[in-house]
Amino acid sequence: MDSSNRMPAVFVGHGSPMNTLEQNRWTESWADLGRALPRPRAIVAISAHWYINATAVTAMAEPSTIHDFFGFPEELFAVQYGAPGSPELAHEIAEVAKPTWVGLDRDSWGFDHGTWSVLTHMYPEADVPVVQLSVDAGKPAHYHVDLGAKLAPLRDDGVLFVASGNVLHNLAMMDPSQPDTAFAWGEAYDEAATELMTVRPGDIATLYEHEHHHLAAPTPDHLLPVFYVAGMAAEAGATAEVFTDGYLMGSLSMTSYLLR
């Protein structure tokens, strides 16, 4: 594999499913990024919303679009992201991850909104093959960093990794009176994550020791996708950069990172 052609890896703070339909500074940054990046041969999406007790990858030729939410406008339920899958890439992932086991999901999942709410802006033509990788709920923090490092060689073969979640994600604490700011504890946590990603990404799992971790990430599903990009950065001896940031309703961070 030729590292001179290495594809970037991205972590995107995806926020509400409504970002699929909206034009705002975050969705515009995703669209700008898609236009600026070299065209990948395929995309691996790591979404907070496929959080299961296993590590698996979609391995079907035609993944479905999953509407994994309720209470939103019908227009959102009509969205279909029709990118092809890539059974070949799914098999590559299972091989490069060994001895870590990655199951091949041929029929149960597809693209959830953590994936398509972002890719509809980055690649609106849906003409790049996509596979989605699950986040294993049963594994410790370092597992996700290590798996990111194991998958890193695929970046040298034209594969773009797009991890999707939110570093700061506490829906129970959302405060509509703070539409674009964060509570002090949430800002402190998000800033700690940024320091790690931009200085020493291999230590990203130390976020679990942060004094505000249980407030900022009461469940780890939205946090863990960034650990994969951190693992890739550590494997490359590199650091990530922030390409967009901001807060929503006190307890949600939109910070996104790019690993070149």
Protein backbone atom coordinates (compact mmCIF):
# COMPACT_ATOMS: atom_id res chain seq x y z
CA MET A 1 0.00 0.00 0.00
CA ASP A 2 1.21 3.49 -0.89
CA SER A 3 1.04 5.87 2.07
CA SER A 4 1.61 8.83 -0.26
CA ASN A 5 -2.02 8.34 -1.40
CA ARG A 6 -3.40 7.98 2.11
CA MET A 7 -7.04 8.96 2.51
CA PRO A 8 -8.09 11.13 5.44
CA ALA A 9 -10.20 9.95 8.35
CA VAL A 10 -12.95 12.13 9.77
CA PHE A 11 -15.00 12.34 12.93
CA VAL A 12 -18.20 14.35 12.48
CA GLY A 13 -20.39 15.67 15.27
CA HIS A 14 -23.70 14.92 13.56
CA GLY A 15 -26.26 16.37 15.97
CA SER A 16 -29.95 16.09 15.06
CA PRO A 17 -31.27 14.02 12.15
CA MET A 18 -32.72 17.32 10.91
CA ASN A 19 -29.24 18.29 9.75
CA THR A 20 -30.02 16.04 6.79
CA LEU A 21 -32.54 18.59 5.50
CA GLU A 22 -31.01 21.81 6.80
CA GLN A 23 -28.37 24.10 5.40
CA ASN A 24 -26.32 25.47 8.28
CA ARG A 25 -22.67 26.03 9.09
CA TRP A 26 -22.18 22.39 10.02
CA THR A 27 -23.81 20.85 6.98
CA GLU A 28 -22.00 23.35 4.77
CA SER A 29 -18.69 22.30 6.35
CA TRP A 30 -19.49 18.65 5.55
CA ALA A 31 -20.32 19.53 1.95
CA ASP A 32 -17.13 21.59 1.62
CA LEU A 33 -15.12 18.70 3.01
CA GLY A 34 -16.61 16.24 0.54
CA ARG A 35 -15.68 18.54 -2.35
CA ALA A 36 -12.15 19.08 -1.02
CA LEU A 37 -11.18 15.48 -0.30
CA PRO A 38 -9.73 13.18 -2.94
CA ARG A 39 -12.37 10.83 -4.24
CA PRO A 40 -12.32 7.59 -2.20
CA ARG A 41 -12.80 4.15 -3.67
CA ALA A 42 -15.12 3.43 -0.74
CA ILE A 43 -16.22 4.75 2.65
CA VAL A 44 -16.31 3.04 6.04
CA ALA A 45 -18.89 4.77 8.22
CA ILE A 46 -18.68 4.23 11.98
CA SER A 47 -21.96 5.40 13.46
CA ALA A 48 -23.01 5.89 17.08
CA HIS A 49 -26.40 4.47 16.12
CA TRP A 50 -25.25 0.94 15.39
CA TYR A 51 -24.31 0.23 18.99
CA ILE A 52 -24.60 -3.51 19.57
CA ASN A 53 -22.91 -6.31 21.49
CA ALA A 54 -20.61 -7.25 18.62
CA THR A 55 -18.22 -5.81 16.07
CA ALA A 56 -19.83 -6.21 12.66
CA VAL A 57 -19.73 -4.66 9.21
CA THR A 58 -22.46 -4.44 6.60
CA ALA A 59 -21.66 -6.89 3.82
CA MET A 60 -24.64 -6.59 1.47
CA ALA A 61 -24.52 -5.15 -2.05
CA GLU A 62 -27.54 -2.88 -1.55
CA PRO A 63 -27.83 -1.62 2.06
CA SER A 64 -31.16 -0.18 3.13
CA THR A 65 -31.71 3.31 4.57
CA ILE A 66 -32.73 2.98 8.21
CA HIS A 67 -34.90 5.65 9.84
CA ASP A 68 -33.90 5.00 13.44
CA PHE A 69 -35.88 7.77 15.18
CA PHE A 70 -39.41 9.03 15.72
CA GLY A 71 -41.25 12.31 16.07
CA PHE A 72 -39.63 14.04 13.12
CA PRO A 73 -41.26 15.44 9.94
CA GLU A 74 -42.38 12.98 7.27
CA GLU A 75 -39.92 14.59 4.87
CA LEU A 76 -37.10 13.11 6.93
CA PHE A 77 -38.60 9.61 6.79
CA ALA A 78 -38.71 9.92 2.99
CA VAL A 79 -34.93 10.33 2.75
CA GLN A 80 -33.21 7.44 0.99
CA TYR A 81 -29.43 7.25 0.71
CA GLY A 82 -28.91 4.79 -2.10
CA ALA A 83 -25.15 4.31 -2.12
CA PRO A 84 -24.06 0.80 -3.02
CA GLY A 85 -22.52 -1.44 -0.42
CA SER A 86 -19.23 -3.28 -0.82
CA PRO A 87 -19.11 -6.91 0.26
CA GLU A 88 -15.49 -6.92 -0.92
CA LEU A 89 -14.50 -4.14 1.46
CA ALA A 90 -16.42 -5.85 4.29
CA HIS A 91 -14.24 -8.92 3.78
CA GLU A 92 -11.10 -6.76 3.71
CA ILE A 93 -12.09 -5.23 7.05
CA ALA A 94 -12.63 -8.66 8.58
CA GLU A 95 -9.20 -9.76 7.37
CA VAL A 96 -7.18 -6.69 8.38
CA ALA A 97 -8.77 -6.63 11.85
CA LYS A 98 -7.64 -10.17 12.73
CA PRO A 99 -7.30 -11.59 15.33
CA THR A 100 -10.14 -9.24 16.35
CA TRP A 101 -13.36 -10.80 15.09
CA VAL A 102 -15.57 -8.72 12.78
CA GLY A 103 -18.85 -10.30 11.75
CA LEU A 104 -20.22 -9.94 8.22
CA ASP A 105 -23.80 -8.64 8.37
CA ARG A 106 -25.53 -9.58 5.14
CA ASP A 107 -29.13 -8.77 6.00
CA SER A 108 -29.89 -7.09 9.36
CA TRP A 109 -28.63 -3.49 9.20
CA GLY A 110 -27.86 -0.84 6.58
CA PHE A 111 -27.25 2.92 6.78
CA ASP A 112 -28.66 4.62 9.89
CA HIS A 113 -29.01 8.37 10.27
CA GLY A 114 -25.59 8.72 11.88
CA THR A 115 -24.26 7.76 8.46
CA TRP A 116 -26.70 9.20 5.96
CA SER A 117 -27.35 12.54 7.68
CA VAL A 118 -23.66 13.31 7.03
CA LEU A 119 -23.08 11.56 3.70
CA THR A 120 -26.08 13.22 2.05
CA HIS A 121 -24.05 16.42 2.34
CA MET A 122 -20.54 15.05 1.73
CA TYR A 123 -21.50 12.81 -1.20
CA PRO A 124 -25.01 13.81 -2.28
CA GLU A 125 -24.88 11.71 -5.45
CA ALA A 126 -24.53 8.55 -3.30
CA ASP A 127 -22.11 7.18 -5.88
CA VAL A 128 -19.31 6.02 -3.55
CA PRO A 129 -19.67 2.51 -2.05
CA VAL A 130 -20.27 2.55 1.71
CA VAL A 131 -20.06 -0.04 4.45
CA GLN A 132 -21.04 0.64 8.05
CA LEU A 133 -19.08 -0.66 11.03
CA SER A 134 -20.81 -1.23 14.35
CA VAL A 135 -19.64 0.08 17.71
CA ASP A 136 -19.29 -2.84 20.12
CA ALA A 137 -21.05 -1.94 23.37
CA GLY A 138 -19.37 -4.73 25.29
CA LYS A 139 -15.77 -3.67 24.80
CA PRO A 140 -13.60 -1.31 26.91
CA ALA A 141 -12.46 2.06 25.64
CA HIS A 142 -9.01 0.96 24.47
CA TYR A 143 -10.54 -1.74 22.24
CA HIS A 144 -11.98 0.93 19.94
CA VAL A 145 -8.68 2.83 19.77
CA ASP A 146 -6.83 -0.40 18.98
CA LEU A 147 -9.33 -1.43 16.31
CA GLY A 148 -8.99 1.97 14.66
CA ALA A 149 -5.24 1.41 14.50
CA LYS A 150 -5.73 -2.05 12.97
CA LEU A 151 -8.01 -0.66 10.27
CA ALA A 152 -5.66 2.23 9.44
CA PRO A 153 -3.85 0.44 6.55
CA LEU A 154 -7.07 0.61 4.51
CA ARG A 155 -6.57 4.38 4.31
CA ASP A 156 -3.56 3.67 2.10
CA ASP A 157 -5.82 1.83 -0.33
CA GLY A 158 -8.34 4.56 -1.06
CA VAL A 159 -10.72 4.02 1.85
CA LEU A 160 -12.17 7.06 3.63
CA PHE A 161 -13.25 6.57 7.24
CA VAL A 162 -16.15 8.74 8.42
CA ALA A 163 -16.91 8.31 12.13
CA SER A 164 -20.12 9.94 13.32
CA GLY A 165 -21.27 10.78 16.84
CA ASN A 166 -20.94 13.65 19.34
CA VAL A 167 -18.15 14.07 21.90
CA LEU A 168 -20.58 15.81 24.24
CA HIS A 169 -23.96 14.07 24.18
CA ASN A 170 -26.42 14.23 27.06
CA LEU A 171 -29.97 14.45 25.71
CA ALA A 172 -31.51 14.47 29.20
CA MET A 173 -29.72 17.72 30.05
CA MET A 174 -30.59 19.64 26.86
CA ASP A 175 -31.71 23.21 27.58
CA PRO A 176 -33.55 25.08 24.79
CA SER A 177 -32.67 28.38 26.47
CA GLN A 178 -29.04 27.73 25.44
CA PRO A 179 -29.46 27.09 21.70
CA ASP A 180 -25.81 27.57 20.74
CA THR A 181 -23.79 27.37 23.96
CA ALA A 182 -22.72 24.64 26.37
CA PHE A 183 -22.82 24.23 30.12
CA ALA A 184 -19.41 24.89 31.66
CA TRP A 185 -18.88 21.20 32.39
CA GLY A 186 -19.72 20.26 28.81
CA GLU A 187 -17.39 22.85 27.36
CA ALA A 188 -14.58 21.66 29.63
CA TYR A 189 -15.09 18.07 28.49
CA ASP A 190 -15.22 18.99 24.81
CA GLU A 191 -12.06 21.07 25.16
CA ALA A 192 -10.29 18.15 26.86
CA ALA A 193 -11.21 15.94 23.91
CA THR A 194 -9.88 18.53 21.48
CA GLU A 195 -6.58 18.76 23.34
CA LEU A 196 -6.20 14.99 23.15
CA MET A 197 -7.14 14.71 19.47
CA THR A 198 -4.85 17.56 18.43
CA VAL A 199 -1.87 16.75 20.67
CA ARG A 200 -1.85 13.11 21.83
CA PRO A 201 -4.72 11.17 20.24
CA GLY A 202 -3.38 7.83 21.43
CA ASP A 203 -4.44 8.84 24.93
CA ILE A 204 -8.07 9.55 23.98
CA ALA A 205 -9.34 6.82 26.34
CA THR A 206 -8.24 8.98 29.29
CA LEU A 207 -11.44 10.95 28.68
CA TYR A 208 -13.08 8.24 30.78
CA GLU A 209 -11.13 9.67 33.74
CA HIS A 210 -12.31 13.26 33.19
CA GLU A 211 -14.24 14.70 36.13
CA HIS A 212 -17.25 15.42 33.91
CA HIS A 213 -17.22 12.22 31.86
CA HIS A 214 -20.42 10.78 33.32
CA LEU A 215 -22.29 14.02 32.67
CA ALA A 216 -20.85 14.58 29.20
CA ALA A 217 -21.10 11.00 27.95
CA PRO A 218 -23.64 9.20 30.18
CA THR A 219 -23.73 6.48 27.52
CA PRO A 220 -20.59 6.00 25.39
CA ASP A 221 -22.29 5.30 22.06
CA HIS A 222 -21.83 8.81 20.62
CA LEU A 223 -18.33 9.25 22.05
CA LEU A 224 -16.70 6.01 20.92
CA PRO A 225 -16.66 6.68 17.15
CA VAL A 226 -14.02 9.38 17.70
CA PHE A 227 -11.79 6.74 19.32
CA TYR A 228 -11.40 5.02 15.94
CA VAL A 229 -10.02 8.17 14.34
CA ALA A 230 -7.79 8.67 17.38
CA GLY A 231 -6.43 5.14 16.92
CA MET A 232 -5.69 5.83 13.26
CA ALA A 233 -3.92 9.05 14.20
CA ALA A 234 -1.80 7.29 16.81
CA GLU A 235 -0.92 4.53 14.33
CA ALA A 236 0.22 7.16 11.81
CA GLY A 237 2.16 9.17 14.40
CA ALA A 238 -0.07 12.12 13.53
CA THR A 239 -2.65 14.38 15.15
CA ALA A 240 -6.10 15.51 14.06
CA GLU A 241 -7.34 19.04 13.49
CA VAL A 242 -10.71 20.64 14.24
CA PHE A 243 -12.60 21.54 11.08
CA THR A 244 -15.86 22.70 12.65
CA ASP A 245 -17.17 23.15 16.18
CA GLY A 246 -19.99 24.59 18.23
CA TYR A 247 -22.64 23.58 20.77
CA LEU A 248 -26.36 22.90 20.88
CA MET A 249 -28.70 23.35 23.86
CA GLY A 250 -26.08 23.17 26.56
CA SER A 251 -25.22 19.49 26.36
CA LEU A 252 -24.43 18.64 22.73
CA SER A 253 -21.14 19.27 20.94
CA MET A 254 -20.79 19.56 17.16
CA THR A 255 -16.97 19.44 17.20
CA SER A 256 -15.57 17.56 14.22
CA TYR A 257 -12.02 16.38 13.49
CA LEU A 258 -10.01 15.71 10.36
CA LEU A 259 -7.00 13.41 10.21
CA ARG A 260 -5.06 14.08 7.02
